[in-house]
Structures are given as structure tokens and as C-alpha cells.
């Protein structure tokens, strides 16, 4: 299995350009590698739920 980054907004997968793909992959990998007991991990799932609507002007 090759590396992959999948981002879904409200269940819909969004396309990532190569630059954004690399940013997400490397940032998350870097954060995880600083933690104990994550060596050998094959799959990481991160879920963020917003409690309120995002302000469209920000």
C-alpha cells in the first residue's frame, strides 16, 4: 500500500493538489513521530467535528 491522504468535508472527498497533499502528509507524520508508541502504525484517522458553522467571512 502506498502513502495516501484523503480529506473529506461532510463526507465528500476533496481533491488535493500535490503541494497540499505533501503539507498534510508531512505535517501529520512529523507530529505523530514525536509521540511514543506509534511506530509500526499503518493507518491514521483524524476526525474534526465543528460545533457551530464556520464564519463565511473569515
Protein backbone atom coordinates (compact mmCIF):
# COMPACT_ATOMS: atom_id res chain seq x y z
CA UNK A 1 0.00 0.00 0.00
CA UNK A 2 1.38 3.42 -0.91
CA UNK A 3 1.03 6.59 1.16
CA UNK A 4 -2.25 8.40 0.75
CA UNK A 5 -4.02 11.38 2.25
CA UNK A 6 -7.80 11.62 1.98
CA UNK A 7 -9.73 14.61 3.25
CA UNK A 8 -13.50 14.60 3.37
CA UNK A 9 -15.75 17.54 4.14
CA UNK A 10 -19.21 16.43 5.25
CA UNK A 11 -18.49 13.02 3.74
CA UNK A 12 -17.39 14.37 0.35
CA UNK A 13 -13.79 13.70 -0.62
CA UNK A 14 -11.94 16.78 -1.83
CA UNK A 15 -9.12 16.81 -4.36
CA UNK A 16 -5.71 17.82 -3.08
CA UNK A 17 -3.05 19.27 -5.31
CA UNK A 18 0.45 17.81 -4.84
CA UNK A 19 1.64 20.72 -2.68
CA UNK A 20 -1.28 20.50 -0.21
CA UNK A 21 -1.02 16.69 -0.20
CA UNK A 22 2.64 16.89 0.86
CA UNK A 23 1.91 19.50 3.54
CA UNK A 24 -0.77 17.35 5.18
CA UNK A 25 1.20 14.11 4.87
CA UNK A 26 4.46 15.50 6.22
CA UNK A 27 2.94 17.66 8.97
CA UNK A 28 0.83 14.84 10.40
CA UNK A 29 3.63 12.30 10.05
CA UNK A 30 6.03 14.68 11.82
CA UNK A 31 3.62 15.24 14.71
CA UNK A 32 2.97 11.51 15.10
CA UNK A 33 6.64 10.57 15.00
CA UNK A 34 7.23 12.76 18.07
CA UNK A 35 4.80 10.59 20.07
CA UNK A 36 5.67 7.36 21.86
CA UNK A 37 4.20 4.01 20.77
CA UNK A 38 3.29 4.93 17.20
CA UNK A 39 5.99 3.04 15.37
CA UNK A 40 4.54 0.45 13.04
CA UNK A 41 1.25 2.31 12.66
CA UNK A 42 -0.27 1.62 9.25
CA UNK A 43 -3.36 3.83 9.24
CA UNK A 44 -4.17 7.12 10.98
CA UNK A 45 -7.66 8.60 11.13
CA UNK A 46 -8.25 12.16 12.27
CA UNK A 47 -11.78 13.47 12.65
CA UNK A 48 -12.64 17.07 13.45
CA UNK A 49 -16.25 18.00 14.20
CA UNK A 50 -17.25 21.63 14.34
CA UNK A 51 -19.80 22.58 16.98
CA UNK A 52 -21.00 25.60 15.02
CA UNK A 53 -20.99 26.81 11.46
CA UNK A 54 -17.78 28.35 10.21
CA UNK A 55 -17.98 32.08 9.62
CA UNK A 56 -18.01 32.55 5.84
CA UNK A 57 -16.20 35.89 6.13
CA UNK A 58 -13.11 34.53 7.91
